[in-house]
Amino acid sequence: MKYMHGVARGKRAESSKKMRWRSTRPRSQQLASGDEFRYAGIVSIQELETAITRLSKEELATFSRWFEEYTADEWDRQIEADIRAGRFDAAGKRAKADYEAGRCTPL
C-alpha cells in the first residue's frame, strides 16, 4: 500500500458477492471515498457532516454503500462477541423452556 499526502491507495479483494477494501488502518480511522481510503484522524462530527454534504451524487452513493456495509459488519461483530460472552444464554434457556412447555405458536 502506498501513502501519498495522507491518502493510502487500497487494493480491492475479489469476493464471490462484492468488492471489499483492505487497509492496514483500524476501521475507526477509515473513510471511504471513491477508489481510495482517506484517514480521518481526529475529525469532529460537524466536519464529517460538512464533508458529506459536499460529495457528488456518485461519491455519496459510494460512501453510503461503504457505510452501510461498515455498520452491518460492526453489528455482526458485536452480536458474535455477545454470543461468545454468554449474554444470550438466559434468553435462549427461556425460549427453550417456553417451547417445551407449549407456549409457542408457529410463525
PDB file of N, CA and C in Angstrom:
ATOM      1  N   MET A   1       0.841  -1.168   0.000  1.00  0.00           N
ATOM      2  CA  MET A   1       0.000   0.000   0.000  1.00  0.00           C
ATOM      3  C   MET A   1       0.889   1.235   0.000  1.00  0.00           C
ATOM      4  N   LYS A   2       0.631   2.155  -0.901  1.00  0.00           N
ATOM      5  CA  LYS A   2       1.423   3.373  -0.996  1.00  0.00           C
ATOM      6  C   LYS A   2       0.703   4.520  -0.318  1.00  0.00           C
ATOM      7  N   TYR A   3       1.453   5.352   0.375  1.00  0.00           N
ATOM      8  CA  TYR A   3       0.887   6.508   1.059  1.00  0.00           C
ATOM      9  C   TYR A   3       1.343   7.783   0.361  1.00  0.00           C
ATOM     10  N   MET A   4       0.406   8.654   0.044  1.00  0.00           N
ATOM     11  CA  MET A   4       0.729   9.923  -0.592  1.00  0.00           C
ATOM     12  C   MET A   4      -0.139  11.005   0.030  1.00  0.00           C
ATOM     13  N   HIS A   5       0.444  11.958   0.694  1.00  0.00           N
ATOM     14  CA  HIS A   5      -0.280  13.083   1.271  1.00  0.00           C
ATOM     15  C   HIS A   5      -1.445  12.626   2.145  1.00  0.00           C
ATOM     16  N   GLY A   6      -1.216  11.647   2.999  1.00  0.00           N
ATOM     17  CA  GLY A   6      -2.253  11.181   3.908  1.00  0.00           C
ATOM     18  C   GLY A   6      -3.287  10.272   3.269  1.00  0.00           C
ATOM     19  N   VAL A   7      -3.063   9.868   2.031  1.00  0.00           N
ATOM     20  CA  VAL A   7      -4.011   9.004   1.343  1.00  0.00           C
ATOM     21  C   VAL A   7      -3.322   7.690   1.021  1.00  0.00           C
ATOM     22  N   ALA A   8      -3.971   6.604   1.372  1.00  0.00           N
ATOM     23  CA  ALA A   8      -3.423   5.287   1.056  1.00  0.00           C
ATOM     24  C   ALA A   8      -4.207   4.699  -0.099  1.00  0.00           C
ATOM     25  N   ARG A   9      -3.531   4.220  -1.074  1.00  0.00           N
ATOM     26  CA  ARG A   9      -4.194   3.562  -2.190  1.00  0.00           C
ATOM     27  C   ARG A   9      -4.464   2.119  -1.784  1.00  0.00           C
ATOM     28  N   GLY A  10      -5.718   1.724  -1.748  1.00  0.00           N
ATOM     29  CA  GLY A  10      -6.080   0.368  -1.340  1.00  0.00           C
ATOM     30  C   GLY A  10      -6.158  -0.565  -2.522  1.00  0.00           C
ATOM     31  N   LYS A  11      -6.106  -1.838  -2.254  1.00  0.00           N
ATOM     32  CA  LYS A  11      -6.276  -2.853  -3.281  1.00  0.00           C
ATOM     33  C   LYS A  11      -7.586  -3.568  -3.005  1.00  0.00           C
ATOM     34  N   ARG A  12      -8.336  -3.805  -4.050  1.00  0.00           N
ATOM     35  CA  ARG A  12      -9.603  -4.491  -3.890  1.00  0.00           C
ATOM     36  C   ARG A  12      -9.370  -5.988  -3.796  1.00  0.00           C
ATOM     37  N   ALA A  13     -10.165  -6.633  -2.960  1.00  0.00           N
ATOM     38  CA  ALA A  13     -10.112  -8.090  -2.841  1.00  0.00           C
ATOM     39  C   ALA A  13     -11.401  -8.653  -3.431  1.00  0.00           C
ATOM     40  N   GLU A  14     -11.282  -9.458  -4.427  1.00  0.00           N
ATOM     41  CA  GLU A  14     -12.450 -10.013  -5.093  1.00  0.00           C
ATOM     42  C   GLU A  14     -13.086 -11.061  -4.195  1.00  0.00           C
ATOM     43  N   SER A  15     -14.380 -10.953  -3.971  1.00  0.00           N
ATOM     44  CA  SER A  15     -15.117 -11.980  -3.248  1.00  0.00           C
ATOM     45  C   SER A  15     -16.251 -12.435  -4.150  1.00  0.00           C
ATOM     46  N   SER A  16     -16.920 -13.497  -3.763  1.00  0.00           N
ATOM     47  CA  SER A  16     -17.981 -14.014  -4.608  1.00  0.00           C
ATOM     48  C   SER A  16     -19.181 -13.080  -4.648  1.00  0.00           C
ATOM     49  N   LYS A  17     -19.392 -12.250  -3.635  1.00  0.00           N
ATOM     50  CA  LYS A  17     -20.570 -11.398  -3.581  1.00  0.00           C
ATOM     51  C   LYS A  17     -20.286  -9.945  -3.911  1.00  0.00           C
ATOM     52  N   LYS A  18     -19.188  -9.396  -3.436  1.00  0.00           N
ATOM     53  CA  LYS A  18     -18.957  -7.969  -3.612  1.00  0.00           C
ATOM     54  C   LYS A  18     -17.477  -7.655  -3.505  1.00  0.00           C
ATOM     55  N   MET A  19     -17.141  -6.437  -3.869  1.00  0.00           N
ATOM     56  CA  MET A  19     -15.769  -5.968  -3.734  1.00  0.00           C
ATOM     57  C   MET A  19     -15.583  -5.442  -2.323  1.00  0.00           C
ATOM     58  N   ARG A  20     -14.448  -5.685  -1.719  1.00  0.00           N
ATOM     59  CA  ARG A  20     -14.146  -5.186  -0.391  1.00  0.00           C
ATOM     60  C   ARG A  20     -12.792  -4.509  -0.419  1.00  0.00           C
ATOM     61  N   TRP A  21     -12.655  -3.507   0.413  1.00  0.00           N
ATOM     62  CA  TRP A  21     -11.387  -2.799   0.540  1.00  0.00           C
ATOM     63  C   TRP A  21     -10.600  -3.394   1.677  1.00  0.00           C
ATOM     64  N   ARG A  22      -9.302  -3.400   1.522  1.00  0.00           N
ATOM     65  CA  ARG A  22      -8.410  -3.831   2.598  1.00  0.00           C
ATOM     66  C   ARG A  22      -7.557  -2.645   2.997  1.00  0.00           C
ATOM     67  N   SER A  23      -7.319  -2.506   4.278  1.00  0.00           N
ATOM     68  CA  SER A  23      -6.452  -1.450   4.766  1.00  0.00           C
ATOM     69  C   SER A  23      -5.749  -1.942   6.018  1.00  0.00           C
ATOM     70  N   THR A  24      -4.572  -1.423   6.266  1.00  0.00           N
ATOM     71  CA  THR A  24      -3.844  -1.793   7.468  1.00  0.00           C
ATOM     72  C   THR A  24      -4.269  -0.932   8.650  1.00  0.00           C
ATOM     73  N   ARG A  25      -5.060   0.128   8.401  1.00  0.00           N
ATOM     74  CA  ARG A  25      -5.508   1.020   9.465  1.00  0.00           C
ATOM     75  C   ARG A  25      -6.776   0.466  10.104  1.00  0.00           C
ATOM     76  N   PRO A  26      -7.003   0.761  11.407  1.00  0.00           N
ATOM     77  CA  PRO A  26      -8.249   0.335  12.047  1.00  0.00           C
ATOM     78  C   PRO A  26      -9.452   0.942  11.338  1.00  0.00           C
ATOM     79  N   ARG A  27     -10.573   0.206  11.322  1.00  0.00           N
ATOM     80  CA  ARG A  27     -11.776   0.698  10.653  1.00  0.00           C
ATOM     81  C   ARG A  27     -12.217   2.047  11.187  1.00  0.00           C
ATOM     82  N   SER A  28     -11.980   2.302  12.465  1.00  0.00           N
ATOM     83  CA  SER A  28     -12.412   3.568  13.045  1.00  0.00           C
ATOM     84  C   SER A  28     -11.683   4.763  12.445  1.00  0.00           C
ATOM     85  N   GLN A  29     -10.578   4.521  11.734  1.00  0.00           N
ATOM     86  CA  GLN A  29      -9.812   5.611  11.144  1.00  0.00           C
ATOM     87  C   GLN A  29      -9.953   5.661   9.623  1.00  0.00           C
ATOM     88  N   GLN A  30     -10.878   4.878   9.082  1.00  0.00           N
ATOM     89  CA  GLN A  30     -11.021   4.818   7.638  1.00  0.00           C
ATOM     90  C   GLN A  30     -12.259   5.590   7.204  1.00  0.00           C
ATOM     91  N   LEU A  31     -12.158   6.260   6.095  1.00  0.00           N
ATOM     92  CA  LEU A  31     -13.287   6.927   5.469  1.00  0.00           C
ATOM     93  C   LEU A  31     -13.186   6.667   3.981  1.00  0.00           C
ATOM     94  N   ALA A  32     -14.146   5.939   3.442  1.00  0.00           N
ATOM     95  CA  ALA A  32     -14.089   5.581   2.021  1.00  0.00           C
ATOM     96  C   ALA A  32     -14.470   6.768   1.164  1.00  0.00           C
ATOM     97  N   SER A  33     -13.767   6.942   0.077  1.00  0.00           N
ATOM     98  CA  SER A  33     -14.092   7.989  -0.880  1.00  0.00           C
ATOM     99  C   SER A  33     -13.638   7.529  -2.244  1.00  0.00           C
ATOM    100  N   GLY A  34     -14.567   7.138  -3.076  1.00  0.00           N
ATOM    101  CA  GLY A  34     -14.225   6.678  -4.416  1.00  0.00           C
ATOM    102  C   GLY A  34     -13.307   5.480  -4.372  1.00  0.00           C
ATOM    103  N   ASP A  35     -12.158   5.591  -5.032  1.00  0.00           N
ATOM    104  CA  ASP A  35     -11.229   4.474  -5.127  1.00  0.00           C
ATOM    105  C   ASP A  35     -10.090   4.556  -4.119  1.00  0.00           C
ATOM    106  N   GLU A  36     -10.246   5.314  -3.060  1.00  0.00           N
ATOM    107  CA  GLU A  36      -9.157   5.425  -2.094  1.00  0.00           C
ATOM    108  C   GLU A  36      -9.705   5.585  -0.691  1.00  0.00           C
ATOM    109  N   PHE A  37      -8.888   5.263   0.272  1.00  0.00           N
ATOM    110  CA  PHE A  37      -9.217   5.488   1.673  1.00  0.00           C
ATOM    111  C   PHE A  37      -8.554   6.775   2.110  1.00  0.00           C
ATOM    112  N   ARG A  38      -9.271   7.564   2.857  1.00  0.00           N
ATOM    113  CA  ARG A  38      -8.688   8.748   3.469  1.00  0.00           C
ATOM    114  C   ARG A  38      -8.752   8.521   4.962  1.00  0.00           C
ATOM    115  N   TYR A  39      -7.716   8.853   5.648  1.00  0.00           N
ATOM    116  CA  TYR A  39      -7.678   8.628   7.077  1.00  0.00           C
ATOM    117  C   TYR A  39      -8.124   9.875   7.796  1.00  0.00           C
ATOM    118  N   ALA A  40      -9.227   9.729   8.513  1.00  0.00           N
ATOM    119  CA  ALA A  40      -9.863  10.867   9.156  1.00  0.00           C
ATOM    120  C   ALA A  40      -9.044  11.393  10.321  1.00  0.00           C
ATOM    121  N   GLY A  41      -8.273  10.543  10.996  1.00  0.00           N
ATOM    122  CA  GLY A  41      -7.546  11.001  12.172  1.00  0.00           C
ATOM    123  C   GLY A  41      -8.531  11.521  13.191  1.00  0.00           C
ATOM    124  N   ILE A  42      -8.300  12.709  13.676  1.00  0.00           N
ATOM    125  CA  ILE A  42      -9.219  13.329  14.626  1.00  0.00           C
ATOM    126  C   ILE A  42     -10.056  14.341  13.861  1.00  0.00           C
ATOM    127  N   VAL A  43     -11.301  13.988  13.615  1.00  0.00           N
ATOM    128  CA  VAL A  43     -12.220  14.831  12.871  1.00  0.00           C
ATOM    129  C   VAL A  43     -13.510  14.910  13.671  1.00  0.00           C
ATOM    130  N   SER A  44     -14.069  16.105  13.773  1.00  0.00           N
ATOM    131  CA  SER A  44     -15.317  16.256  14.516  1.00  0.00           C
ATOM    132  C   SER A  44     -16.492  15.773  13.672  1.00  0.00           C
ATOM    133  N   ILE A  45     -17.591  15.467  14.339  1.00  0.00           N
ATOM    134  CA  ILE A  45     -18.803  15.063  13.640  1.00  0.00           C
ATOM    135  C   ILE A  45     -19.244  16.167  12.683  1.00  0.00           C
ATOM    136  N   GLN A  46     -19.141  17.411  13.124  1.00  0.00           N
ATOM    137  CA  GLN A  46     -19.539  18.537  12.278  1.00  0.00           C
ATOM    138  C   GLN A  46     -18.696  18.580  10.996  1.00  0.00           C
ATOM    139  N   GLU A  47     -17.378  18.313  11.111  1.00  0.00           N
ATOM    140  CA  GLU A  47     -16.517  18.295   9.931  1.00  0.00           C
ATOM    141  C   GLU A  47     -16.911  17.162   8.989  1.00  0.00           C
ATOM    142  N   LEU A  48     -17.252  15.998   9.561  1.00  0.00           N
ATOM    143  CA  LEU A  48     -17.704  14.881   8.734  1.00  0.00           C
ATOM    144  C   LEU A  48     -19.008  15.230   8.021  1.00  0.00           C
ATOM    145  N   GLU A  49     -19.950  15.819   8.759  1.00  0.00           N
ATOM    146  CA  GLU A  49     -21.218  16.204   8.151  1.00  0.00           C
ATOM    147  C   GLU A  49     -21.002  17.180   6.997  1.00  0.00           C
ATOM    148  N   THR A  50     -20.141  18.157   7.208  1.00  0.00           N
ATOM    149  CA  THR A  50     -19.855  19.138   6.161  1.00  0.00           C
ATOM    150  C   THR A  50     -19.226  18.467   4.951  1.00  0.00           C
ATOM    151  N   ALA A  51     -18.265  17.587   5.196  1.00  0.00           N
ATOM    152  CA  ALA A  51     -17.604  16.886   4.088  1.00  0.00           C
ATOM    153  C   ALA A  51     -18.605  16.042   3.311  1.00  0.00           C
ATOM    154  N   ILE A  52     -19.516  15.385   4.007  1.00  0.00           N
ATOM    155  CA  ILE A  52     -20.501  14.533   3.337  1.00  0.00           C
ATOM    156  C   ILE A  52     -21.444  15.362   2.483  1.00  0.00           C
ATOM    157  N   THR A  53     -21.838  16.528   2.959  1.00  0.00           N
ATOM    158  CA  THR A  53     -22.751  17.370   2.179  1.00  0.00           C
ATOM    159  C   THR A  53     -22.092  17.889   0.906  1.00  0.00           C
ATOM    160  N   ARG A  54     -20.782  17.869   0.825  1.00  0.00           N
ATOM    161  CA  ARG A  54     -20.054  18.363  -0.350  1.00  0.00           C
ATOM    162  C   ARG A  54     -19.759  17.270  -1.372  1.00  0.00           C
ATOM    163  N   LEU A  55     -20.135  16.039  -1.090  1.00  0.00           N
ATOM    164  CA  LEU A  55     -19.891  14.940  -2.021  1.00  0.00           C
ATOM    165  C   LEU A  55     -20.822  15.040  -3.219  1.00  0.00           C
ATOM    166  N   SER A  56     -20.322  14.588  -4.358  1.00  0.00           N
ATOM    167  CA  SER A  56     -21.187  14.487  -5.544  1.00  0.00           C
ATOM    168  C   SER A  56     -22.168  13.337  -5.313  1.00  0.00           C
ATOM    169  N   LYS A  57     -23.166  13.236  -6.186  1.00  0.00           N
ATOM    170  CA  LYS A  57     -24.146  12.146  -6.050  1.00  0.00           C
ATOM    171  C   LYS A  57     -23.465  10.785  -6.111  1.00  0.00           C
ATOM    172  N   GLU A  58     -22.506  10.651  -7.027  1.00  0.00           N
ATOM    173  CA  GLU A  58     -21.796   9.376  -7.175  1.00  0.00           C
ATOM    174  C   GLU A  58     -20.960   9.069  -5.938  1.00  0.00           C
ATOM    175  N   GLU A  59     -20.252  10.085  -5.430  1.00  0.00           N
ATOM    176  CA  GLU A  59     -19.431   9.891  -4.227  1.00  0.00           C
ATOM    177  C   GLU A  59     -20.314   9.577  -3.025  1.00  0.00           C
ATOM    178  N   LEU A  60     -21.473  10.235  -2.926  1.00  0.00           N
ATOM    179  CA  LEU A  60     -22.387   9.973  -1.823  1.00  0.00           C
ATOM    180  C   LEU A  60     -22.921   8.546  -1.893  1.00  0.00           C
ATOM    181  N   ALA A  61     -23.222   8.073  -3.089  1.00  0.00           N
ATOM    182  CA  ALA A  61     -23.686   6.694  -3.250  1.00  0.00           C
ATOM    183  C   ALA A  61     -22.599   5.710  -2.838  1.00  0.00           C
ATOM    184  N   THR A  62     -21.361   5.979  -3.231  1.00  0.00           N
ATOM    185  CA  THR A  62     -20.236   5.120  -2.847  1.00  0.00           C
ATOM    186  C   THR A  62     -20.045   5.126  -1.338  1.00  0.00           C
ATOM    187  N   PHE A  63     -20.061   6.313  -0.747  1.00  0.00           N
ATOM    188  CA  PHE A  63     -19.907   6.428   0.700  1.00  0.00           C
ATOM    189  C   PHE A  63     -21.050   5.715   1.417  1.00  0.00           C
ATOM    190  N   SER A  64     -22.275   5.900   0.949  1.00  0.00           N
ATOM    191  CA  SER A  64     -23.441   5.283   1.580  1.00  0.00           C
ATOM    192  C   SER A  64     -23.345   3.765   1.570  1.00  0.00           C
ATOM    193  N   ARG A  65     -22.941   3.191   0.431  1.00  0.00           N
ATOM    194  CA  ARG A  65     -22.774   1.731   0.353  1.00  0.00           C
ATOM    195  C   ARG A  65     -21.710   1.265   1.334  1.00  0.00           C
ATOM    196  N   TRP A  66     -20.576   1.976   1.361  1.00  0.00           N
ATOM    197  CA  TRP A  66     -19.496   1.601   2.275  1.00  0.00           C
ATOM    198  C   TRP A  66     -19.963   1.701   3.727  1.00  0.00           C
ATOM    199  N   PHE A  67     -20.633   2.794   4.079  1.00  0.00           N
ATOM    200  CA  PHE A  67     -21.038   2.994   5.472  1.00  0.00           C
ATOM    201  C   PHE A  67     -22.093   1.972   5.892  1.00  0.00           C
ATOM    202  N   GLU A  68     -22.994   1.633   4.994  1.00  0.00           N
ATOM    203  CA  GLU A  68     -23.997   0.608   5.290  1.00  0.00           C
ATOM    204  C   GLU A  68     -23.322  -0.734   5.570  1.00  0.00           C
ATOM    205  N   GLU A  69     -22.349  -1.089   4.737  1.00  0.00           N
ATOM    206  CA  GLU A  69     -21.609  -2.339   4.952  1.00  0.00           C
ATOM    207  C   GLU A  69     -20.814  -2.288   6.262  1.00  0.00           C
ATOM    208  N   TYR A  70     -20.204  -1.153   6.518  1.00  0.00           N
ATOM    209  CA  TYR A  70     -19.421  -0.980   7.743  1.00  0.00           C
ATOM    210  C   TYR A  70     -20.302  -1.172   8.985  1.00  0.00           C
ATOM    211  N   THR A  71     -21.463  -0.521   9.034  1.00  0.00           N
ATOM    212  CA  THR A  71     -22.328  -0.642  10.206  1.00  0.00           C
ATOM    213  C   THR A  71     -22.872  -2.064  10.352  1.00  0.00           C
ATOM    214  N   ALA A  72     -23.173  -2.724   9.227  1.00  0.00           N
ATOM    215  CA  ALA A  72     -23.644  -4.107   9.285  1.00  0.00           C
ATOM    216  C   ALA A  72     -22.543  -5.023   9.827  1.00  0.00           C
ATOM    217  N   ASP A  73     -21.313  -4.819   9.379  1.00  0.00           N
ATOM    218  CA  ASP A  73     -20.185  -5.617   9.882  1.00  0.00           C
ATOM    219  C   ASP A  73     -19.969  -5.382  11.374  1.00  0.00           C
ATOM    220  N   GLU A  74     -20.071  -4.131  11.801  1.00  0.00           N
ATOM    221  CA  GLU A  74     -19.911  -3.813  13.228  1.00  0.00           C
ATOM    222  C   GLU A  74     -20.998  -4.497  14.052  1.00  0.00           C
ATOM    223  N   TRP A  75     -22.232  -4.470  13.565  1.00  0.00           N
ATOM    224  CA  TRP A  75     -23.350  -5.122  14.247  1.00  0.00           C
ATOM    225  C   TRP A  75     -23.064  -6.619  14.390  1.00  0.00           C
ATOM    226  N   ASP A  76     -22.653  -7.252  13.299  1.00  0.00           N
ATOM    227  CA  ASP A  76     -22.342  -8.677  13.336  1.00  0.00           C
ATOM    228  C   ASP A  76     -21.255  -8.985  14.349  1.00  0.00           C
ATOM    229  N   ARG A  77     -20.199  -8.190  14.363  1.00  0.00           N
ATOM    230  CA  ARG A  77     -19.109  -8.420  15.321  1.00  0.00           C
ATOM    231  C   ARG A  77     -19.596  -8.280  16.760  1.00  0.00           C
ATOM    232  N   GLN A  78     -20.464  -7.309  17.020  1.00  0.00           N
ATOM    233  CA  GLN A  78     -20.972  -7.119  18.375  1.00  0.00           C
ATOM    234  C   GLN A  78     -21.862  -8.287  18.800  1.00  0.00           C
ATOM    235  N   ILE A  79     -22.743  -8.734  17.916  1.00  0.00           N
ATOM    236  CA  ILE A  79     -23.608  -9.884  18.228  1.00  0.00           C
ATOM    237  C   ILE A  79     -22.754 -11.120  18.490  1.00  0.00           C
ATOM    238  N   GLU A  80     -21.760 -11.356  17.648  1.00  0.00           N
ATOM    239  CA  GLU A  80     -20.881 -12.510  17.835  1.00  0.00           C
ATOM    240  C   GLU A  80     -20.141 -12.427  19.167  1.00  0.00           C
ATOM    241  N   ALA A  81     -19.681 -11.245  19.536  1.00  0.00           N
ATOM    242  CA  ALA A  81     -18.989 -11.071  20.815  1.00  0.00           C
ATOM    243  C   ALA A  81     -19.955 -11.318  21.977  1.00  0.00           C
ATOM    244  N   ASP A  82     -21.190 -10.842  21.847  1.00  0.00           N
ATOM    245  CA  ASP A  82     -22.190 -11.057  22.897  1.00  0.00           C
ATOM    246  C   ASP A  82     -22.511 -12.541  23.051  1.00  0.00           C
ATOM    247  N   ILE A  83     -22.602 -13.253  21.927  1.00  0.00           N
ATOM    248  CA  ILE A  83     -22.867 -14.694  21.985  1.00  0.00           C
ATOM    249  C   ILE A  83     -21.723 -15.414  22.678  1.00  0.00           C
ATOM    250  N   ARG A  84     -20.480 -15.103  22.278  1.00  0.00           N
ATOM    251  CA  ARG A  84     -19.312 -15.739  22.904  1.00  0.00           C
ATOM    252  C   ARG A  84     -19.235 -15.440  24.397  1.00  0.00           C
ATOM    253  N   ALA A  85     -19.684 -14.245  24.787  1.00  0.00           N
ATOM    254  CA  ALA A  85     -19.633 -13.851  26.200  1.00  0.00           C
ATOM    255  C   ALA A  85     -20.802 -14.424  26.998  1.00  0.00           C
ATOM    256  N   GLY A  86     -21.737 -15.105  26.328  1.00  0.00           N
ATOM    257  CA  GLY A  86     -22.856 -15.731  27.025  1.00  0.00           C
ATOM    258  C   GLY A  86     -24.000 -14.785  27.361  1.00  0.00           C
ATOM    259  N   ARG A  87     -24.040 -13.624  26.731  1.00  0.00           N
ATOM    260  CA  ARG A  87     -25.077 -12.640  27.059  1.00  0.00           C
ATOM    261  C   ARG A  87     -26.471 -13.061  26.605  1.00  0.00           C
ATOM    262  N   PHE A  88     -26.566 -14.054  25.720  1.00  0.00           N
ATOM    263  CA  PHE A  88     -27.874 -14.519  25.255  1.00  0.00           C
ATOM    264  C   PHE A  88     -28.255 -15.871  25.850  1.00  0.00           C
ATOM    265  N   ASP A  89     -27.430 -16.403  26.718  1.00  0.00           N
ATOM    266  CA  ASP A  89     -27.695 -17.728  27.276  1.00  0.00           C
ATOM    267  C   ASP A  89     -29.020 -17.784  28.029  1.00  0.00           C
ATOM    268  N   ALA A  90     -29.299 -16.815  28.875  1.00  0.00           N
ATOM    269  CA  ALA A  90     -30.535 -16.825  29.669  1.00  0.00           C
ATOM    270  C   ALA A  90     -31.758 -16.718  28.763  1.00  0.00           C
ATOM    271  N   ALA A  91     -31.687 -15.851  27.748  1.00  0.00           N
ATOM    272  CA  ALA A  91     -32.814 -15.707  26.809  1.00  0.00           C
ATOM    273  C   ALA A  91     -33.031 -17.005  26.040  1.00  0.00           C
ATOM    274  N   GLY A  92     -31.966 -17.675  25.655  1.00  0.00           N
ATOM    275  CA  GLY A  92     -32.076 -18.956  24.963  1.00  0.00           C
ATOM    276  C   GLY A  92     -32.721 -20.012  25.833  1.00  0.00           C
ATOM    277  N   LYS A  93     -32.349 -20.044  27.096  1.00  0.00           N
ATOM    278  CA  LYS A  93     -32.942 -21.015  28.023  1.00  0.00           C
ATOM    279  C   LYS A  93     -34.425 -20.732  28.221  1.00  0.00           C
ATOM    280  N   ARG A  94     -34.803 -19.441  28.330  1.00  0.00           N
ATOM    281  CA  ARG A  94     -36.223 -19.101  28.484  1.00  0.00           C
ATOM    282  C   ARG A  94     -37.008 -19.503  27.243  1.00  0.00           C
ATOM    283  N   ALA A  95     -36.445 -19.261  26.074  1.00  0.00           N
ATOM    284  CA  ALA A  95     -37.121 -19.614  24.824  1.00  0.00           C
ATOM    285  C   ALA A  95     -37.297 -21.125  24.713  1.00  0.00           C
ATOM    286  N   LYS A  96     -36.281 -21.857  25.076  1.00  0.00           N
ATOM    287  CA  LYS A  96     -36.358 -23.329  25.030  1.00  0.00           C
ATOM    288  C   LYS A  96     -37.415 -23.837  26.004  1.00  0.00           C
ATOM    289  N   ALA A  97     -37.451 -23.270  27.204  1.00  0.00           N
ATOM    290  CA  ALA A  97     -38.447 -23.677  28.198  1.00  0.00           C
ATOM    291  C   ALA A  97     -39.859 -23.359  27.712  1.00  0.00           C
ATOM    292  N   ASP A  98     -40.053 -22.177  27.108  1.00  0.00           N
ATOM    293  CA  ASP A  98     -41.369 -21.817  26.571  1.00  0.00           C
ATOM    294  C   ASP A  98     -41.784 -22.781  25.460  1.00  0.00           C
ATOM    295  N   TYR A  99     -40.855 -23.149  24.590  1.00  0.00           N
ATOM    296  CA  TYR A  99     -41.154 -24.076  23.501  1.00  0.00           C
ATOM    297  C   TYR A  99     -41.545 -25.438  24.062  1.00  0.00           C
ATOM    298  N   GLU A 100     -40.745 -25.931  24.990  1.00  0.00           N
ATOM    299  CA  GLU A 100     -41.017 -27.253  25.561  1.00  0.00           C
ATOM    300  C   GLU A 100     -42.320 -27.272  26.354  1.00  0.00           C
ATOM    301  N   ALA A 101     -42.731 -26.125  26.906  1.00  0.00           N
ATOM    302  CA  ALA A 101     -43.971 -26.039  27.656  1.00  0.00           C
ATOM    303  C   ALA A 101     -45.173 -25.778  26.761  1.00  0.00           C
ATOM    304  N   GLY A 102     -44.947 -25.667  25.440  1.00  0.00           N
ATOM    305  CA  GLY A 102     -46.038 -25.453  24.508  1.00  0.00           C
ATOM    306  C   GLY A 102     -46.539 -24.017  24.453  1.00  0.00           C
ATOM    307  N   ARG A 103     -45.739 -23.072  24.907  1.00  0.00           N
ATOM    308  CA  ARG A 103     -46.160 -21.668  24.913  1.00  0.00           C
ATOM    309  C   ARG A 103     -45.723 -20.916  23.644  1.00  0.00           C
ATOM    310  N   CYS A 104     -45.428 -21.643  22.577  1.00  0.00           N
ATOM    311  CA  CYS A 104     -45.021 -21.024  21.322  1.00  0.00           C
ATOM    312  C   CYS A 104     -46.032 -21.347  20.226  1.00  0.00           C
ATOM    313  N   THR A 105     -46.147 -20.442  19.275  1.00  0.00           N
ATOM    314  CA  THR A 105     -47.029 -20.684  18.134  1.00  0.00           C
ATOM    315  C   THR A 105     -46.200 -20.617  16.847  1.00  0.00           C
ATOM    316  N   PRO A 106     -46.594 -21.380  15.842  1.00  0.00           N
ATOM    317  CA  PRO A 106     -45.853 -21.342  14.578  1.00  0.00           C
ATOM    318  C   PRO A 106     -45.943 -19.969  13.944  1.00  0.00           C
ATOM    319  N   LEU A 107     -44.896 -19.570  13.243  1.00  0.00           N
ATOM    320  CA  LEU A 107     -44.900 -18.281  12.539  1.00  0.00           C
ATOM    321  C   LEU A 107     -45.645 -18.357  11.249  1.00  0.00           C
TER     322      LEU A 107
END
